[in-house]
Amino acid sequence: MRFTKMQGIGNDFIILEAQELSKTDLSYSELTKKMCNRNFGIGADGLIIVNPPDVDSKCDVSWRIFNSDGSEPQMCGNGIRCFAKYVYKKGIVNKKTFSVCTLAGMIVPEVLDNQKIRVNMGSPILEASKIPVSIESLDKVINYPLETDDIKVNITAVSMGNPHCIIFTEQDSAELAKKIGPELEKNEIFPEKTNVEFVKVICKDKIKVDVWERGCGITLACGTGACASVVAGVLNNFTEDSVEVELPGGNLEIEWQRQTDKIFMTGGCEFVSEGQYFF
């Protein structure tokens, strides 16, 4: 099975074209867990499958993406940048701006002249029931005090097609992610679990983010998490609409264009290797 490995600011992915899947009887979930295993497989945060567009679709191309634990998220910001560069460089699409069908709807990436990828990530979802977050009597979850036996934090919830719980802190955000990220991911108020971002505000146009990613754990970057963190920063009056987001694997430029309610993410991604995977 021929594969390509790519990374977007340290978030790494195995990419397979759809025809390669005929070489295995494994389910997508089982295949992902085997290939992404860092000791017994290739090793990656996730598996991306390049699909042709659906017959009735208005998209130029489509994808599926799976976390390393075999679960299928609705969206992945670093993954979509890697996917966009892959399909453009491989000639699967022949234009620099194109549409991708995802579980989060149509996403439109653009390959820039400097080889970074700018992605229209769509509009943030703030309605609690659509994120989803189960807190009675709340339409939006902004700076909400969440308490458990072990945790006392204020959270803001945002969906970028996938759920995010954002916590602003002055503590060591990386240590906090390891310490309470697992419990927050599975907290009962998140019926589909959640990604958790721990954010330190550096100034109005720069933040530092550490991520506990749903289905992956600690990762070096999360593109949708960077977008959600900027939205949360604006909602809590901590940041401006255009922010540099510092993640362990590198930086992203996030802009929330309030007049159109669209989020734009710009960042790099790279080819790492190509090879064959044997069963």
Protein backbone atom coordinates (compact mmCIF):
# COMPACT_ATOMS: atom_id res chain seq x y z
CA MET A 1 0.00 0.00 0.00
CA ARG A 2 1.61 3.26 -1.14
CA PHE A 3 1.49 6.12 1.35
CA THR A 4 2.74 9.67 1.82
CA LYS A 5 3.51 11.23 5.17
CA MET A 6 3.10 14.97 5.76
CA GLN A 7 3.20 17.32 8.71
CA GLY A 8 1.64 20.67 9.48
CA ILE A 9 3.60 22.44 12.24
CA GLY A 10 4.30 19.10 13.86
CA ASN A 11 0.83 17.55 13.50
CA ASP A 12 1.64 14.54 11.28
CA PHE A 13 -0.55 12.53 8.94
CA ILE A 14 -0.41 9.48 6.70
CA ILE A 15 -2.10 10.13 3.35
CA LEU A 16 -3.63 7.38 1.21
CA GLU A 17 -5.38 7.73 -2.12
CA ALA A 18 -8.71 5.92 -2.31
CA GLN A 19 -7.56 3.19 -4.72
CA GLU A 20 -4.99 1.96 -2.19
CA LEU A 21 -7.79 0.84 0.14
CA SER A 22 -8.67 -2.04 -2.21
CA LYS A 23 -5.47 -3.71 -0.98
CA THR A 24 -6.83 -4.39 2.52
CA ASP A 25 -9.96 -5.83 4.12
CA LEU A 26 -9.45 -3.82 7.29
CA SER A 27 -12.00 -1.18 8.25
CA TYR A 28 -10.86 2.44 8.09
CA SER A 29 -10.70 2.52 11.89
CA GLU A 30 -8.62 -0.66 12.17
CA LEU A 31 -6.30 0.44 9.37
CA THR A 32 -5.77 3.82 11.03
CA LYS A 33 -4.85 2.31 14.39
CA LYS A 34 -2.32 -0.05 12.76
CA MET A 35 -0.67 2.50 10.48
CA CYS A 36 -0.58 5.35 13.03
CA ASN A 37 0.99 3.24 15.78
CA ARG A 38 4.38 4.84 16.47
CA ASN A 39 6.00 1.59 17.60
CA PHE A 40 4.50 -1.02 15.28
CA GLY A 41 3.35 1.08 12.31
CA ILE A 42 4.44 4.20 10.45
CA GLY A 43 3.39 6.55 13.23
CA ALA A 44 1.14 9.59 12.90
CA ASP A 45 -1.54 11.66 14.60
CA GLY A 46 -4.04 10.64 11.93
CA LEU A 47 -4.83 9.06 8.58
CA ILE A 48 -6.16 11.06 5.61
CA ILE A 49 -7.92 9.42 2.66
CA VAL A 50 -8.07 11.28 -0.67
CA ASN A 51 -11.42 10.63 -2.35
CA PRO A 52 -12.85 11.82 -5.66
CA PRO A 53 -15.83 14.18 -5.28
CA ASP A 54 -19.23 12.62 -4.72
CA VAL A 55 -21.33 12.41 -7.88
CA ASP A 56 -23.89 14.96 -6.66
CA SER A 57 -21.33 17.14 -4.89
CA LYS A 58 -20.31 20.65 -5.86
CA CYS A 59 -16.83 20.09 -4.38
CA ASP A 60 -13.65 19.64 -6.42
CA VAL A 61 -12.41 16.81 -4.18
CA SER A 62 -13.34 15.12 -0.90
CA TRP A 63 -11.58 13.54 2.03
CA ARG A 64 -11.98 11.46 5.15
CA ILE A 65 -9.76 11.82 8.18
CA PHE A 66 -9.30 9.56 11.19
CA ASN A 67 -7.59 10.18 14.52
CA SER A 68 -4.87 7.76 15.62
CA ASP A 69 -7.37 5.98 17.90
CA GLY A 70 -9.56 5.15 14.88
CA SER A 71 -12.25 7.77 15.55
CA GLU A 72 -13.41 10.05 12.74
CA PRO A 73 -13.50 13.80 13.52
CA GLN A 74 -15.55 16.27 11.54
CA MET A 75 -12.59 18.49 10.73
CA CYS A 76 -8.84 19.00 11.21
CA GLY A 77 -7.15 22.31 10.43
CA ASN A 78 -3.58 21.05 10.07
CA GLY A 79 -4.81 18.01 8.20
CA ILE A 80 -6.74 20.05 5.64
CA ARG A 81 -3.62 22.12 4.86
CA CYS A 82 -1.59 18.94 4.28
CA PHE A 83 -4.42 17.52 2.17
CA ALA A 84 -4.64 20.73 0.12
CA LYS A 85 -0.91 20.79 -0.67
CA TYR A 86 -0.98 17.06 -1.48
CA VAL A 87 -3.83 17.19 -4.00
CA TYR A 88 -2.40 20.32 -5.64
CA LYS A 89 1.18 19.02 -5.91
CA LYS A 90 0.01 15.60 -7.15
CA GLY A 91 -2.17 17.19 -9.84
CA ILE A 92 -5.43 15.84 -8.42
CA VAL A 93 -6.72 19.41 -8.61
CA ASN A 94 -5.32 21.89 -11.12
CA LYS A 95 -6.15 25.20 -9.47
CA LYS A 96 -4.78 26.95 -6.40
CA THR A 97 -8.16 27.64 -4.82
CA PHE A 98 -10.59 24.74 -4.64
CA SER A 99 -13.35 23.18 -2.55
CA VAL A 100 -13.17 20.10 -0.33
CA CYS A 101 -16.15 18.12 0.94
CA THR A 102 -15.76 17.33 4.65
CA LEU A 103 -18.01 16.22 7.50
CA ALA A 104 -17.94 19.88 8.59
CA GLY A 105 -19.26 21.00 5.20
CA MET A 106 -17.44 22.56 2.25
CA ILE A 107 -13.97 23.90 3.10
CA VAL A 108 -12.04 26.11 0.67
CA PRO A 109 -8.20 26.08 0.82
CA GLU A 110 -5.85 28.22 -1.24
CA VAL A 111 -2.24 27.39 -2.10
CA LEU A 112 -0.30 30.65 -1.76
CA ASP A 113 2.76 31.62 -3.79
CA ASN A 114 4.95 31.16 -0.69
CA GLN A 115 3.62 27.57 -0.46
CA LYS A 116 1.71 28.26 2.73
CA ILE A 117 -1.94 27.24 2.71
CA ARG A 118 -4.72 29.69 3.52
CA VAL A 119 -7.99 28.03 4.41
CA ASN A 120 -11.47 29.48 4.69
CA MET A 121 -12.55 27.43 7.70
CA GLY A 122 -16.15 28.64 7.59
CA SER A 123 -18.08 30.19 10.46
CA PRO A 124 -17.61 29.33 14.14
CA ILE A 125 -20.56 27.66 15.84
CA LEU A 126 -21.42 29.15 19.23
CA GLU A 127 -24.86 27.64 19.87
CA ALA A 128 -24.35 25.20 22.74
CA SER A 129 -26.65 22.49 21.40
CA LYS A 130 -24.81 22.45 18.06
CA ILE A 131 -21.25 22.28 19.47
CA PRO A 132 -22.56 20.18 21.36
CA VAL A 133 -22.41 21.13 25.04
CA SER A 134 -25.11 19.98 27.45
CA ILE A 135 -25.62 22.77 29.95
CA GLU A 136 -29.24 23.55 30.77
CA SER A 137 -30.49 27.11 30.22
CA LEU A 138 -27.36 28.23 28.32
CA ASP A 139 -27.50 29.12 24.62
CA LYS A 140 -23.78 30.00 24.53
CA VAL A 141 -20.95 28.86 26.77
CA ILE A 142 -18.66 31.84 27.36
CA ASN A 143 -16.45 32.03 30.47
CA TYR A 144 -18.61 29.39 32.15
CA PRO A 145 -17.40 28.13 35.57
CA LEU A 146 -16.95 24.34 35.36
CA GLU A 147 -16.27 22.45 38.58
CA THR A 148 -15.63 18.77 39.25
CA ASP A 149 -14.05 17.01 42.21
CA ASP A 150 -10.60 17.73 40.76
CA ILE A 151 -11.04 20.70 38.44
CA LYS A 152 -12.18 24.30 38.76
CA VAL A 153 -11.87 26.27 35.52
CA ASN A 154 -13.78 28.73 33.36
CA ILE A 155 -14.50 27.45 29.87
CA THR A 156 -15.62 28.87 26.54
CA ALA A 157 -17.05 26.41 24.02
CA VAL A 158 -16.73 26.82 20.24
CA SER A 159 -17.20 24.45 17.31
CA MET A 160 -15.22 24.69 14.09
CA GLY A 161 -17.11 21.68 12.77
CA ASN A 162 -15.65 19.81 15.76
CA PRO A 163 -16.07 20.69 19.46
CA HIS A 164 -13.55 22.77 21.43
CA CYS A 165 -13.31 23.74 25.08
CA ILE A 166 -11.05 26.75 25.61
CA ILE A 167 -9.49 27.70 28.94
CA PHE A 168 -7.54 30.91 29.46
CA THR A 169 -4.82 30.54 32.06
CA GLU A 170 -1.73 32.21 33.49
CA GLN A 171 -0.37 28.82 34.61
CA ASP A 172 1.97 26.57 32.62
CA SER A 173 -0.42 25.71 29.77
CA ALA A 174 1.55 22.65 28.63
CA GLU A 175 1.52 21.07 32.08
CA LEU A 176 -2.14 21.95 32.54
CA ALA A 177 -3.01 20.24 29.25
CA LYS A 178 -1.39 17.01 30.43
CA LYS A 179 -2.91 17.24 33.89
CA ILE A 180 -6.57 17.98 33.21
CA GLY A 181 -6.96 17.60 29.43
CA PRO A 182 -7.96 13.90 29.61
CA GLU A 183 -10.70 14.51 32.17
CA LEU A 184 -12.10 17.54 30.35
CA GLU A 185 -12.15 15.70 27.00
CA LYS A 186 -14.56 13.15 28.47
CA ASN A 187 -16.54 15.42 30.79
CA GLU A 188 -20.24 14.57 30.79
CA ILE A 189 -21.26 17.99 29.43
CA PHE A 190 -19.59 17.08 26.12
CA PRO A 191 -21.71 14.26 24.62
CA GLU A 192 -19.27 13.83 21.68
CA LYS A 193 -16.19 14.48 23.86
CA THR A 194 -14.16 17.59 23.08
CA ASN A 195 -10.79 19.02 22.14
CA VAL A 196 -9.34 21.14 24.94
CA GLU A 197 -7.19 24.25 24.41
CA PHE A 198 -5.17 25.89 27.20
CA VAL A 199 -4.46 29.48 26.20
CA LYS A 200 -2.03 32.05 27.53
CA VAL A 201 -2.59 35.58 26.20
CA ILE A 202 0.73 37.20 25.31
CA CYS A 203 -0.79 40.38 23.89
CA LYS A 204 -3.86 41.45 21.94
CA ASP A 205 -2.55 39.96 18.70
CA LYS A 206 -0.65 36.91 19.96
CA ILE A 207 -1.56 33.90 22.09
CA LYS A 208 0.18 30.67 23.13
CA VAL A 209 -1.92 27.48 22.90
CA ASP A 210 -1.35 23.95 24.17
CA VAL A 211 -3.80 21.27 23.09
CA TRP A 212 -5.27 18.07 24.43
CA GLU A 213 -6.78 16.72 21.20
CA ARG A 214 -9.85 14.50 21.20
CA GLY A 215 -8.85 11.00 20.15
CA CYS A 216 -5.11 11.84 20.08
CA GLY A 217 -4.04 13.34 23.39
CA ILE A 218 -1.19 15.86 23.44
CA THR A 219 -0.30 17.01 19.92
CA LEU A 220 2.14 19.63 18.66
CA ALA A 221 -0.60 21.61 16.95
CA CYS A 222 -4.33 21.80 16.23
CA GLY A 223 -5.56 24.07 13.46
CA THR A 224 -9.23 24.07 14.39
CA GLY A 225 -8.15 24.57 18.00
CA ALA A 226 -6.16 27.65 17.01
CA CYS A 227 -9.24 29.02 15.23
CA ALA A 228 -11.51 28.25 18.19
CA SER A 229 -9.02 29.84 20.61
CA VAL A 230 -9.02 33.11 18.66
CA VAL A 231 -12.83 33.14 18.57
CA ALA A 232 -12.87 32.56 22.33
CA GLY A 233 -10.27 35.30 22.80
CA VAL A 234 -12.46 37.81 20.95
CA LEU A 235 -15.61 36.73 22.83
CA ASN A 236 -13.83 37.24 26.16
CA ASN A 237 -12.28 40.58 25.06
CA PHE A 238 -8.73 39.19 25.36
CA THR A 239 -7.67 39.51 21.70
CA GLU A 240 -8.24 41.29 18.44
CA ASP A 241 -9.79 39.61 15.38
CA SER A 242 -6.41 38.86 13.76
CA VAL A 243 -4.02 36.87 15.94
CA GLU A 244 -0.74 34.97 15.70
CA VAL A 245 -1.18 31.64 17.46
CA GLU A 246 1.94 30.02 18.90
CA LEU A 247 1.68 26.23 19.18
CA PRO A 248 4.42 23.77 20.24
CA GLY A 249 5.02 22.79 16.59
CA GLY A 250 4.96 26.27 15.07
CA ASN A 251 2.78 29.31 14.46
CA LEU A 252 -0.47 29.92 12.60
CA GLU A 253 -2.09 33.16 11.47
CA ILE A 254 -5.79 33.23 12.34
CA GLU A 255 -8.23 35.95 11.27
CA TRP A 256 -11.91 36.14 12.18
CA GLN A 257 -13.51 38.35 9.54
CA ARG A 258 -16.45 39.54 11.58
CA GLN A 259 -18.26 41.18 8.66
CA THR A 260 -18.63 37.80 6.90
CA ASP A 261 -18.31 35.65 10.06
CA LYS A 262 -15.60 33.56 8.39
CA ILE A 263 -12.39 32.26 9.94
CA PHE A 264 -9.21 32.18 7.84
CA MET A 265 -6.22 30.06 8.85
CA THR A 266 -2.80 30.45 7.22
CA GLY A 267 0.17 28.20 7.87
CA GLY A 268 2.78 25.89 6.43
CA CYS A 269 2.93 22.14 5.88
CA GLU A 270 5.57 19.83 4.44
CA PHE A 271 6.04 16.49 2.74
CA VAL A 272 7.99 14.15 5.01
CA SER A 273 8.31 10.83 3.17
CA GLU A 274 6.75 8.40 0.75
CA GLY A 275 6.87 4.63 0.86
CA GLN A 276 5.07 1.30 0.92
CA TYR A 277 3.24 -0.21 3.87
CA PHE A 278 3.18 -4.03 4.01
CA PHE A 279 0.64 -6.14 5.86
